[in-house]
Amino acid sequence: MEFLKAKLKARDSGGVDIDFMYNPTEISFTRTASWAYDLGHRGSNLLPKVNFSGVQPYRLTLRHVPYDTYEKKTSVMEYINKIKKGMSASADLLRPPVYTFEWGETKYSDYVIEDLAYTITMVLPNGTPVRAWVDITLLEVDSPKEDDLLSESGQTERSNNIPILERIDPDHPAVPSVEQVD
């Protein structure tokens, strides 16, 4: 079986792909449901009546992504700076790029880098950082498909771009797949 590396593939023309040196040791998905309640309206248990307001976007967290340049004696910051760049607005788009997380045939679209944390774990005697653990949190965003058309009224017409939910494992919650409902 071929060993495939995970990467963040830029969906925008101005974005740069981020190839991981090694694969993440953990991937987690989180999503929060929003509830609205009025403290003045109480049920029989004196708890507030609640109304479902919707859901927040998924957060996909890649934990413990190792970077190691000890053998080459070069700085791991070369790799980490590329991730940092993925959090900066480009001159063309005026926002950071949208990414697809890919690992072999598994793909999750559309995400932006929301959070980056890294820990330098080894430094050469000359001060060059050569090992690091990186954690990246991606935030799901609504992104138009490439084939969206501009209508005569000037409004963007979008197909139904709702992610299909599929179960990766029966014991884990459903997560968005890359397939879209048209």
N, C-alpha and C. Protein backbone atom coordinates (compact mmCIF):
# COMPACT_ATOMS: atom_id res chain seq x y z
N MET A 1 0.84 -1.18 0.00
CA MET A 1 0.00 0.00 0.00
C MET A 1 0.88 1.25 0.00
N GLU A 2 0.52 2.20 -0.83
CA GLU A 2 1.29 3.43 -0.97
C GLU A 2 1.02 4.37 0.21
N PHE A 3 2.08 4.98 0.73
CA PHE A 3 1.97 5.94 1.82
C PHE A 3 1.64 7.31 1.23
N LEU A 4 0.51 7.86 1.60
CA LEU A 4 0.08 9.15 1.07
C LEU A 4 0.15 10.22 2.15
N LYS A 5 0.65 11.38 1.79
CA LYS A 5 0.76 12.48 2.74
C LYS A 5 -0.46 13.40 2.64
N ALA A 6 -0.84 13.92 3.78
CA ALA A 6 -1.94 14.89 3.84
C ALA A 6 -1.44 16.25 3.36
N LYS A 7 -2.39 17.07 2.88
CA LYS A 7 -2.03 18.43 2.47
C LYS A 7 -3.27 19.31 2.50
N LEU A 8 -3.02 20.60 2.50
CA LEU A 8 -4.07 21.59 2.33
C LEU A 8 -3.91 22.14 0.92
N LYS A 9 -4.90 21.88 0.09
CA LYS A 9 -4.85 22.32 -1.31
C LYS A 9 -5.65 23.61 -1.45
N ALA A 10 -4.98 24.66 -1.91
CA ALA A 10 -5.63 25.96 -2.08
C ALA A 10 -6.66 25.88 -3.20
N ARG A 11 -7.85 26.37 -2.93
CA ARG A 11 -8.91 26.40 -3.94
C ARG A 11 -8.87 27.69 -4.73
N ASP A 12 -8.23 28.71 -4.18
CA ASP A 12 -8.14 30.01 -4.84
C ASP A 12 -6.86 30.10 -5.65
N SER A 13 -6.91 30.81 -6.76
CA SER A 13 -5.75 30.91 -7.64
C SER A 13 -4.57 31.59 -6.96
N GLY A 14 -4.81 32.50 -6.02
CA GLY A 14 -3.71 33.18 -5.34
C GLY A 14 -3.14 32.41 -4.17
N GLY A 15 -3.79 31.32 -3.77
CA GLY A 15 -3.34 30.56 -2.60
C GLY A 15 -2.24 29.58 -2.94
N VAL A 16 -1.48 29.19 -1.93
CA VAL A 16 -0.38 28.24 -2.09
C VAL A 16 -0.74 26.96 -1.35
N ASP A 17 -0.54 25.80 -1.99
CA ASP A 17 -0.78 24.52 -1.33
C ASP A 17 0.18 24.36 -0.16
N ILE A 18 -0.30 23.70 0.90
CA ILE A 18 0.52 23.43 2.08
C ILE A 18 0.67 21.92 2.19
N ASP A 19 1.86 21.43 1.89
CA ASP A 19 2.16 20.00 2.00
C ASP A 19 2.72 19.73 3.39
N PHE A 20 2.19 18.70 4.04
CA PHE A 20 2.70 18.35 5.36
C PHE A 20 3.91 17.43 5.20
N MET A 21 4.90 17.65 6.03
CA MET A 21 6.09 16.80 6.00
C MET A 21 5.71 15.39 6.45
N TYR A 22 4.90 15.31 7.49
CA TYR A 22 4.37 14.05 8.00
C TYR A 22 2.88 14.24 8.26
N ASN A 23 2.16 13.16 8.38
CA ASN A 23 0.71 13.24 8.57
C ASN A 23 0.35 13.57 10.01
N PRO A 24 -0.82 14.20 10.21
CA PRO A 24 -1.27 14.49 11.57
C PRO A 24 -1.50 13.20 12.34
N THR A 25 -1.29 13.26 13.65
CA THR A 25 -1.55 12.07 14.48
C THR A 25 -3.00 12.02 14.91
N GLU A 26 -3.70 13.16 14.88
CA GLU A 26 -5.12 13.20 15.24
C GLU A 26 -5.84 14.19 14.34
N ILE A 27 -7.08 13.84 14.00
CA ILE A 27 -7.96 14.76 13.28
C ILE A 27 -9.27 14.76 14.05
N SER A 28 -9.73 15.94 14.42
CA SER A 28 -11.01 16.00 15.14
C SER A 28 -11.94 16.98 14.44
N PHE A 29 -13.24 16.70 14.56
CA PHE A 29 -14.28 17.53 14.00
C PHE A 29 -15.17 18.00 15.14
N THR A 30 -15.49 19.28 15.16
CA THR A 30 -16.42 19.79 16.16
C THR A 30 -17.44 20.70 15.47
N ARG A 31 -18.62 20.71 16.03
CA ARG A 31 -19.69 21.58 15.54
C ARG A 31 -20.59 21.89 16.72
N THR A 32 -21.09 23.09 16.77
CA THR A 32 -21.93 23.53 17.87
C THR A 32 -23.32 23.89 17.35
N ALA A 33 -24.34 23.44 18.07
CA ALA A 33 -25.71 23.85 17.77
C ALA A 33 -26.00 25.13 18.56
N SER A 34 -26.72 26.04 17.94
CA SER A 34 -27.08 27.30 18.61
C SER A 34 -28.53 27.21 19.09
N TRP A 35 -28.75 27.67 20.31
CA TRP A 35 -30.08 27.66 20.91
C TRP A 35 -30.39 29.05 21.43
N ALA A 36 -31.59 29.52 21.17
CA ALA A 36 -32.05 30.80 21.69
C ALA A 36 -33.06 30.52 22.80
N TYR A 37 -32.97 31.31 23.86
CA TYR A 37 -33.93 31.11 24.94
C TYR A 37 -34.26 32.45 25.59
N ASP A 38 -35.43 32.50 26.17
CA ASP A 38 -35.92 33.69 26.85
C ASP A 38 -36.09 33.32 28.31
N LEU A 39 -35.36 33.98 29.17
CA LEU A 39 -35.42 33.66 30.60
C LEU A 39 -36.80 33.88 31.19
N GLY A 40 -37.63 34.70 30.54
CA GLY A 40 -38.98 34.95 31.04
C GLY A 40 -39.95 33.82 30.77
N HIS A 41 -39.66 32.95 29.84
CA HIS A 41 -40.54 31.81 29.52
C HIS A 41 -39.92 30.55 30.11
N ARG A 42 -40.60 29.98 31.06
CA ARG A 42 -40.07 28.81 31.76
C ARG A 42 -40.99 27.62 31.56
N GLY A 43 -40.38 26.45 31.55
CA GLY A 43 -41.14 25.21 31.46
C GLY A 43 -41.51 24.70 32.84
N SER A 44 -42.00 23.47 32.92
CA SER A 44 -42.46 22.90 34.19
C SER A 44 -41.31 22.68 35.17
N ASN A 45 -40.08 22.54 34.71
CA ASN A 45 -38.93 22.35 35.60
C ASN A 45 -38.22 23.67 35.90
N LEU A 46 -38.86 24.78 35.57
CA LEU A 46 -38.31 26.11 35.75
C LEU A 46 -37.07 26.38 34.90
N LEU A 47 -36.87 25.56 33.89
CA LEU A 47 -35.79 25.80 32.93
C LEU A 47 -36.34 26.66 31.80
N PRO A 48 -35.49 27.49 31.18
CA PRO A 48 -36.00 28.33 30.10
C PRO A 48 -36.43 27.51 28.89
N LYS A 49 -37.47 27.99 28.21
CA LYS A 49 -37.90 27.37 26.95
C LYS A 49 -36.83 27.70 25.91
N VAL A 50 -36.45 26.72 25.09
CA VAL A 50 -35.40 26.93 24.11
C VAL A 50 -35.92 26.71 22.69
N ASN A 51 -35.32 27.42 21.76
CA ASN A 51 -35.62 27.27 20.34
C ASN A 51 -34.32 27.05 19.60
N PHE A 52 -34.33 26.09 18.68
CA PHE A 52 -33.16 25.80 17.87
C PHE A 52 -32.92 26.94 16.90
N SER A 53 -31.69 27.47 16.88
CA SER A 53 -31.36 28.61 16.02
C SER A 53 -30.54 28.21 14.79
N GLY A 54 -29.94 27.04 14.81
CA GLY A 54 -29.10 26.62 13.69
C GLY A 54 -27.81 25.99 14.19
N VAL A 55 -26.90 25.79 13.28
CA VAL A 55 -25.61 25.20 13.65
C VAL A 55 -24.48 26.12 13.23
N GLN A 56 -23.40 26.02 13.94
CA GLN A 56 -22.18 26.75 13.59
C GLN A 56 -21.40 25.90 12.58
N PRO A 57 -20.45 26.49 11.88
CA PRO A 57 -19.66 25.71 10.92
C PRO A 57 -18.79 24.67 11.63
N TYR A 58 -18.44 23.63 10.89
CA TYR A 58 -17.52 22.62 11.43
C TYR A 58 -16.15 23.25 11.65
N ARG A 59 -15.47 22.75 12.66
CA ARG A 59 -14.06 23.04 12.87
C ARG A 59 -13.33 21.71 12.76
N LEU A 60 -12.36 21.68 11.88
CA LEU A 60 -11.56 20.48 11.65
C LEU A 60 -10.18 20.80 12.23
N THR A 61 -9.75 20.04 13.22
CA THR A 61 -8.47 20.30 13.87
C THR A 61 -7.49 19.18 13.55
N LEU A 62 -6.34 19.58 13.05
CA LEU A 62 -5.24 18.66 12.76
C LEU A 62 -4.25 18.81 13.90
N ARG A 63 -4.12 17.76 14.71
CA ARG A 63 -3.27 17.85 15.89
C ARG A 63 -1.98 17.07 15.70
N HIS A 64 -0.95 17.63 16.27
CA HIS A 64 0.36 16.98 16.32
C HIS A 64 0.88 16.64 14.92
N VAL A 65 0.93 17.65 14.06
CA VAL A 65 1.55 17.47 12.75
C VAL A 65 3.05 17.70 12.96
N PRO A 66 3.87 16.65 12.79
CA PRO A 66 5.30 16.81 13.05
C PRO A 66 6.06 17.41 11.87
N TYR A 67 7.01 18.25 12.19
CA TYR A 67 7.96 18.78 11.20
C TYR A 67 9.35 18.52 11.75
N ASP A 68 10.23 17.99 10.92
CA ASP A 68 11.57 17.61 11.36
C ASP A 68 12.57 17.86 10.24
N THR A 69 13.44 18.84 10.44
CA THR A 69 14.47 19.15 9.44
C THR A 69 15.87 18.92 10.02
N TYR A 70 15.96 18.11 11.07
CA TYR A 70 17.24 17.87 11.74
C TYR A 70 18.29 17.32 10.78
N GLU A 71 17.92 16.35 9.96
CA GLU A 71 18.88 15.74 9.04
C GLU A 71 19.43 16.75 8.04
N LYS A 72 18.59 17.67 7.58
CA LYS A 72 19.01 18.69 6.61
C LYS A 72 19.70 19.88 7.27
N LYS A 73 19.50 20.01 8.59
CA LYS A 73 20.04 21.14 9.36
C LYS A 73 19.49 22.49 8.88
N THR A 74 18.24 22.47 8.37
CA THR A 74 17.57 23.70 7.96
C THR A 74 16.45 24.00 8.95
N SER A 75 15.93 25.20 8.90
CA SER A 75 14.91 25.63 9.85
C SER A 75 13.53 25.08 9.49
N VAL A 76 12.80 24.60 10.49
CA VAL A 76 11.41 24.17 10.28
C VAL A 76 10.50 25.38 10.02
N MET A 77 10.99 26.57 10.32
CA MET A 77 10.18 27.77 10.11
C MET A 77 9.86 27.98 8.64
N GLU A 78 10.66 27.42 7.75
CA GLU A 78 10.36 27.47 6.31
C GLU A 78 8.98 26.86 6.04
N TYR A 79 8.67 25.76 6.71
CA TYR A 79 7.37 25.09 6.55
C TYR A 79 6.27 25.82 7.32
N ILE A 80 6.58 26.22 8.54
CA ILE A 80 5.59 26.88 9.38
C ILE A 80 5.20 28.24 8.79
N ASN A 81 6.15 28.95 8.21
CA ASN A 81 5.84 30.25 7.60
C ASN A 81 4.88 30.10 6.42
N LYS A 82 4.93 28.97 5.74
CA LYS A 82 4.00 28.72 4.64
C LYS A 82 2.57 28.59 5.18
N ILE A 83 2.43 27.95 6.35
CA ILE A 83 1.12 27.83 6.99
C ILE A 83 0.65 29.22 7.45
N LYS A 84 1.57 29.99 8.03
CA LYS A 84 1.24 31.35 8.47
C LYS A 84 0.72 32.18 7.29
N LYS A 85 1.35 32.01 6.13
CA LYS A 85 0.93 32.76 4.94
C LYS A 85 -0.51 32.40 4.56
N GLY A 86 -0.92 31.16 4.84
CA GLY A 86 -2.28 30.73 4.56
C GLY A 86 -3.33 31.40 5.44
N MET A 87 -2.87 32.17 6.44
CA MET A 87 -3.78 32.91 7.31
C MET A 87 -3.83 34.39 6.97
N SER A 88 -3.06 34.79 5.96
CA SER A 88 -2.98 36.20 5.59
C SER A 88 -3.79 36.47 4.34
N ALA A 89 -4.34 37.67 4.27
CA ALA A 89 -5.12 38.07 3.10
C ALA A 89 -4.19 38.31 1.92
N SER A 90 -4.60 37.82 0.76
CA SER A 90 -3.82 38.08 -0.45
C SER A 90 -4.29 39.40 -1.05
N ALA A 91 -3.43 40.03 -1.83
CA ALA A 91 -3.77 41.30 -2.46
C ALA A 91 -4.92 41.13 -3.45
N ASP A 92 -4.98 39.96 -4.10
CA ASP A 92 -6.03 39.70 -5.10
C ASP A 92 -7.40 39.53 -4.44
N LEU A 93 -7.46 38.69 -3.40
CA LEU A 93 -8.74 38.29 -2.81
C LEU A 93 -9.18 39.15 -1.63
N LEU A 94 -8.24 39.84 -1.00
CA LEU A 94 -8.50 40.62 0.21
C LEU A 94 -8.99 39.74 1.36
N ARG A 95 -8.62 38.48 1.32
CA ARG A 95 -8.94 37.52 2.38
C ARG A 95 -7.96 36.35 2.25
N PRO A 96 -7.81 35.55 3.30
CA PRO A 96 -6.97 34.35 3.18
C PRO A 96 -7.61 33.34 2.22
N PRO A 97 -6.81 32.43 1.68
CA PRO A 97 -7.35 31.44 0.74
C PRO A 97 -8.24 30.40 1.41
N VAL A 98 -9.11 29.81 0.61
CA VAL A 98 -9.95 28.69 1.03
C VAL A 98 -9.21 27.41 0.64
N TYR A 99 -9.23 26.42 1.53
CA TYR A 99 -8.50 25.17 1.32
C TYR A 99 -9.42 23.96 1.31
N THR A 100 -8.94 22.92 0.67
CA THR A 100 -9.49 21.57 0.80
C THR A 100 -8.44 20.75 1.52
N PHE A 101 -8.84 20.07 2.61
CA PHE A 101 -7.92 19.16 3.29
C PHE A 101 -8.00 17.83 2.56
N GLU A 102 -6.86 17.35 2.07
CA GLU A 102 -6.79 16.10 1.31
C GLU A 102 -5.81 15.15 1.98
N TRP A 103 -6.26 13.89 2.07
CA TRP A 103 -5.36 12.84 2.54
C TRP A 103 -5.75 11.60 1.76
N GLY A 104 -5.03 11.33 0.68
CA GLY A 104 -5.40 10.24 -0.21
C GLY A 104 -6.72 10.56 -0.87
N GLU A 105 -7.67 9.63 -0.77
CA GLU A 105 -8.98 9.83 -1.37
C GLU A 105 -9.93 10.62 -0.47
N THR A 106 -9.55 10.86 0.76
CA THR A 106 -10.38 11.61 1.70
C THR A 106 -10.17 13.10 1.48
N LYS A 107 -11.26 13.83 1.28
CA LYS A 107 -11.18 15.27 1.03
C LYS A 107 -12.30 15.98 1.78
N TYR A 108 -11.95 17.10 2.38
CA TYR A 108 -12.93 17.93 3.07
C TYR A 108 -12.78 19.36 2.55
N SER A 109 -13.86 19.91 1.99
CA SER A 109 -13.88 21.28 1.46
C SER A 109 -14.92 22.03 2.26
N ASP A 110 -14.97 23.17 2.28
CA ASP A 110 -14.17 24.34 2.04
C ASP A 110 -13.81 24.90 3.41
N TYR A 111 -12.55 25.12 3.65
CA TYR A 111 -12.07 25.54 4.97
C TYR A 111 -11.06 26.67 4.84
N VAL A 112 -11.02 27.52 5.85
CA VAL A 112 -9.97 28.52 5.99
C VAL A 112 -9.20 28.17 7.26
N ILE A 113 -7.96 28.61 7.33
CA ILE A 113 -7.17 28.37 8.54
C ILE A 113 -7.61 29.39 9.59
N GLU A 114 -8.15 28.87 10.69
CA GLU A 114 -8.64 29.74 11.76
C GLU A 114 -7.59 29.92 12.86
N ASP A 115 -6.84 28.86 13.14
CA ASP A 115 -5.93 28.90 14.27
C ASP A 115 -4.69 28.07 13.96
N LEU A 116 -3.54 28.58 14.35
CA LEU A 116 -2.27 27.88 14.18
C LEU A 116 -1.53 27.95 15.51
N ALA A 117 -1.10 26.81 16.00
CA ALA A 117 -0.26 26.76 17.20
C ALA A 117 0.90 25.82 16.89
N TYR A 118 2.10 26.24 17.25
CA TYR A 118 3.24 25.36 17.02
C TYR A 118 4.19 25.44 18.20
N THR A 119 4.85 24.32 18.43
CA THR A 119 5.81 24.20 19.52
C THR A 119 7.12 23.73 18.95
N ILE A 120 8.18 24.51 19.14
CA ILE A 120 9.52 24.11 18.71
C ILE A 120 10.04 23.14 19.76
N THR A 121 10.44 21.94 19.33
CA THR A 121 10.87 20.92 20.29
C THR A 121 12.36 20.60 20.21
N MET A 122 13.05 21.10 19.18
CA MET A 122 14.49 20.88 19.09
C MET A 122 15.13 22.04 18.34
N VAL A 123 16.24 22.51 18.89
CA VAL A 123 16.97 23.63 18.30
C VAL A 123 18.44 23.23 18.21
N LEU A 124 19.07 23.54 17.08
CA LEU A 124 20.51 23.28 16.92
C LEU A 124 21.30 24.24 17.81
N PRO A 125 22.57 23.92 18.10
CA PRO A 125 23.39 24.82 18.93
C PRO A 125 23.46 26.26 18.40
N ASN A 126 23.30 26.43 17.07
CA ASN A 126 23.35 27.78 16.50
C ASN A 126 22.00 28.50 16.57
N GLY A 127 20.98 27.87 17.18
CA GLY A 127 19.68 28.50 17.35
C GLY A 127 18.66 28.16 16.28
N THR A 128 19.02 27.33 15.30
CA THR A 128 18.10 26.97 14.23
C THR A 128 17.07 25.96 14.74
N PRO A 129 15.76 26.29 14.66
CA PRO A 129 14.74 25.32 15.08
C PRO A 129 14.60 24.22 14.02
N VAL A 130 14.73 22.96 14.45
CA VAL A 130 14.71 21.85 13.49
C VAL A 130 13.60 20.84 13.74
N ARG A 131 12.89 20.94 14.85
CA ARG A 131 11.75 20.05 15.09
C ARG A 131 10.62 20.87 15.71
N ALA A 132 9.39 20.52 15.27
CA ALA A 132 8.23 21.23 15.80
C ALA A 132 7.00 20.35 15.68
N TRP A 133 6.06 20.58 16.58
CA TRP A 133 4.72 20.01 16.50
C TRP A 133 3.79 21.14 16.14
N VAL A 134 2.91 20.91 15.17
CA VAL A 134 2.00 21.95 14.70
C VAL A 134 0.56 21.48 14.87
N ASP A 135 -0.30 22.37 15.37
CA ASP A 135 -1.74 22.14 15.44
C ASP A 135 -2.40 23.21 14.58
N ILE A 136 -3.32 22.78 13.71
CA ILE A 136 -4.02 23.70 12.81
C ILE A 136 -5.51 23.47 12.97
N THR A 137 -6.26 24.54 13.18
CA THR A 137 -7.72 24.45 13.21
C THR A 137 -8.25 25.12 11.96
N LEU A 138 -9.07 24.38 11.22
CA LEU A 138 -9.69 24.88 10.00
C LEU A 138 -11.16 25.16 10.28
N LEU A 139 -11.68 26.23 9.71
CA LEU A 139 -13.07 26.63 9.89
C LEU A 139 -13.80 26.45 8.57
N GLU A 140 -14.92 25.71 8.60
CA GLU A 140 -15.72 25.49 7.40
C GLU A 140 -16.34 26.81 6.95
N VAL A 141 -16.27 27.06 5.65
CA VAL A 141 -16.86 28.28 5.08
C VAL A 141 -17.74 27.91 3.90
N ASP A 142 -18.66 28.80 3.60
CA ASP A 142 -19.52 28.63 2.44
C ASP A 142 -18.77 29.20 1.25
N SER A 143 -18.51 28.38 0.27
CA SER A 143 -17.75 28.83 -0.89
C SER A 143 -18.49 28.46 -2.16
N PRO A 144 -18.64 29.39 -3.08
CA PRO A 144 -19.35 29.07 -4.32
C PRO A 144 -18.58 28.06 -5.16
N LYS A 145 -19.34 27.25 -5.88
CA LYS A 145 -18.71 26.31 -6.81
C LYS A 145 -18.15 27.09 -7.98
N GLU A 146 -17.15 26.51 -8.65
CA GLU A 146 -16.52 27.18 -9.78
C GLU A 146 -17.49 27.41 -10.92
N ASP A 147 -18.51 26.54 -11.05
CA ASP A 147 -19.42 26.65 -12.18
C ASP A 147 -20.64 27.52 -11.89
N ASP A 148 -20.61 28.27 -10.76
CA ASP A 148 -21.72 29.18 -10.49
C ASP A 148 -21.76 30.26 -11.57
N LEU A 149 -22.95 30.64 -11.93
CA LEU A 149 -23.12 31.61 -13.01
C LEU A 149 -23.72 32.90 -12.47
N LEU A 150 -23.45 34.00 -13.15
CA LEU A 150 -24.05 35.27 -12.80
C LEU A 150 -25.34 35.40 -13.59
N SER A 151 -26.45 35.63 -12.90
CA SER A 151 -27.74 35.74 -13.59
C SER A 151 -27.87 37.09 -14.28
N GLU A 152 -28.92 37.24 -15.07
CA GLU A 152 -29.15 38.50 -15.79
C GLU A 152 -29.39 39.66 -14.82
N SER A 153 -29.92 39.36 -13.64
CA SER A 153 -30.19 40.42 -12.66
C SER A 153 -28.93 40.86 -11.94
N GLY A 154 -27.80 40.18 -12.22
CA GLY A 154 -26.56 40.52 -11.55
C GLY A 154 -26.36 39.77 -10.25
N GLN A 155 -27.34 38.97 -9.85
CA GLN A 155 -27.23 38.18 -8.63
C GLN A 155 -26.56 36.85 -8.95
N THR A 156 -25.77 36.38 -8.03
CA THR A 156 -25.13 35.08 -8.23
C THR A 156 -26.16 33.99 -8.02
N GLU A 157 -26.26 33.08 -8.97
CA GLU A 157 -27.14 31.93 -8.84
C GLU A 157 -26.29 30.77 -8.36
N ARG A 158 -26.70 30.17 -7.27
CA ARG A 158 -25.91 29.07 -6.72
C ARG A 158 -26.74 27.83 -6.68
N SER A 159 -26.10 26.74 -7.02
CA SER A 159 -26.77 25.46 -6.83
C SER A 159 -26.77 25.16 -5.34
N ASN A 160 -27.56 24.21 -4.93
CA ASN A 160 -27.63 23.84 -3.53
C ASN A 160 -26.28 23.27 -3.12
N ASN A 161 -25.52 24.01 -2.35
CA ASN A 161 -24.16 23.64 -1.99
C ASN A 161 -24.10 23.14 -0.55
N ILE A 162 -25.01 22.23 -0.21
CA ILE A 162 -25.09 21.70 1.14
C ILE A 162 -24.27 20.42 1.20
N PRO A 163 -23.32 20.31 2.15
CA PRO A 163 -22.53 19.09 2.22
C PRO A 163 -23.40 17.88 2.56
N ILE A 164 -23.12 16.77 1.92
CA ILE A 164 -23.76 15.50 2.26
C ILE A 164 -23.04 14.99 3.50
N LEU A 165 -23.79 14.50 4.47
CA LEU A 165 -23.17 13.95 5.66
C LEU A 165 -23.02 12.45 5.50
N GLU A 166 -21.87 11.96 5.86
CA GLU A 166 -21.64 10.53 5.80
C GLU A 166 -20.94 10.11 7.08
N ARG A 167 -21.15 8.89 7.46
CA ARG A 167 -20.50 8.40 8.67
C ARG A 167 -19.18 7.74 8.30
N ILE A 168 -18.11 8.22 8.93
CA ILE A 168 -16.81 7.59 8.75
C ILE A 168 -16.77 6.33 9.59
N ASP A 169 -17.32 6.42 10.78
CA ASP A 169 -17.31 5.32 11.73
C ASP A 169 -18.66 5.39 12.46
N PRO A 170 -19.36 4.26 12.63
CA PRO A 170 -20.67 4.32 13.27
C PRO A 170 -20.66 4.91 14.68
N ASP A 171 -19.50 4.89 15.35
CA ASP A 171 -19.42 5.43 16.70
C ASP A 171 -19.09 6.91 16.73
N HIS A 172 -18.88 7.52 15.58
CA HIS A 172 -18.51 8.93 15.52
C HIS A 172 -19.58 9.71 14.76
N PRO A 173 -19.71 11.00 15.06
CA PRO A 173 -20.73 11.81 14.38
C PRO A 173 -20.42 11.97 12.90
N ALA A 174 -21.46 12.29 12.16
CA ALA A 174 -21.30 12.51 10.73
C ALA A 174 -20.46 13.76 10.49
N VAL A 175 -19.67 13.74 9.45
CA VAL A 175 -18.86 14.88 9.05
C VAL A 175 -19.10 15.16 7.58
N PRO A 176 -18.87 16.39 7.14
CA PRO A 176 -19.16 16.70 5.75
C PRO A 176 -18.22 15.97 4.81
N SER A 177 -18.77 15.49 3.72
CA SER A 177 -17.94 14.89 2.68
C SER A 177 -17.77 15.91 1.58
N VAL A 178 -16.95 15.61 0.59
CA VAL A 178 -16.72 16.58 -0.47
C VAL A 178 -17.82 16.56 -1.49
N GLU A 179 -18.62 15.51 -1.51
CA GLU A 179 -19.71 15.46 -2.48
C GLU A 179 -20.71 16.56 -2.16
N GLN A 180 -21.31 17.12 -3.18
CA GLN A 180 -22.29 18.18 -2.99
C GLN A 180 -23.60 17.78 -3.65
N VAL A 181 -24.69 18.27 -3.10
CA VAL A 181 -26.01 18.05 -3.68
C VAL A 181 -26.22 19.13 -4.72
N ASP A 182 -26.56 18.75 -5.93
CA ASP A 182 -26.83 19.76 -6.97
C ASP A 182 -28.31 19.95 -7.14
